[in-house]
Amino acid sequence: MSPRRSYDQYCSAARALDVVGDRWTLLIVRELLAGPRRYTDLHADLPGVSTDMLASRLKDMERDGLATRRRLPPPGAAYVYELTARGRALLPVLQALGTWGEAALGERRPTDAVRAHWFALPLLRGLPGEGLVEVRLEEGTFHLHAGAEDGPVYGDGPAPTEPDARLVLDSATCAAIGRGETNLPEAVRAGRVAVTGDGAAAKALREA
């Protein structure tokens, strides 16, 4: 575990950065918003992070009350990391950073990694209403828990139960939403997003 560093400034922003200002910390939070994750899963979805750095950051997050580590019961019997309530409270921080960073996103560079679920947070910002939403892209499928106040915000793979809405769109439309060039209701109206389902989330999108 790395020694705690501090800006030693009596300011709430400085205190927050004492905890989450180190490289990779907020991106680990982004991954753990999907719910409990194994170390190997985190490493796979954080291309570029070294094993030593990831282990160090996770220990720091445990120390600072952002995440916990627990062992799954058999037959899993693996250790997983998950966010605490304090860690989950960083969701609006990540959403605000994403909004602020839209102008810098630009076109995807040849060296840029991408994972389907990285589009979860920008899509979540534009979802009207609440409910379970399944999203299908060329890169993969993930699901969102719109309006969730506790527990996972999104998850990899198809929705675990019948979703309130299913969205099918291409990565170009997702990227345009991520860059702030359009939003989800506008993309639905333009025919760039196909919406199916009878739940409140599907109806809200079709009527937005």
Foldseek 3Di string as FASTA:
>chain_A
DDDQDFPPDPDVVRVVCSQQVDPPLVVLLVVQLQPWDALVVSPVVDPPDDSVRSVVSLVSCVVVQQKDWDADDPPRRGITIHGDLVSNVCLVVVLVVLVVCLQVLPDDDPPDDDAPCVLVSLQLVQFPDFWKEWEQEPRAIKIAGRPDSDGHGIHGDGDPDDTQKYKYAYVVVSSCSSNVVDHQLVCVVVVRIDMDHHHPRSVVSVVD
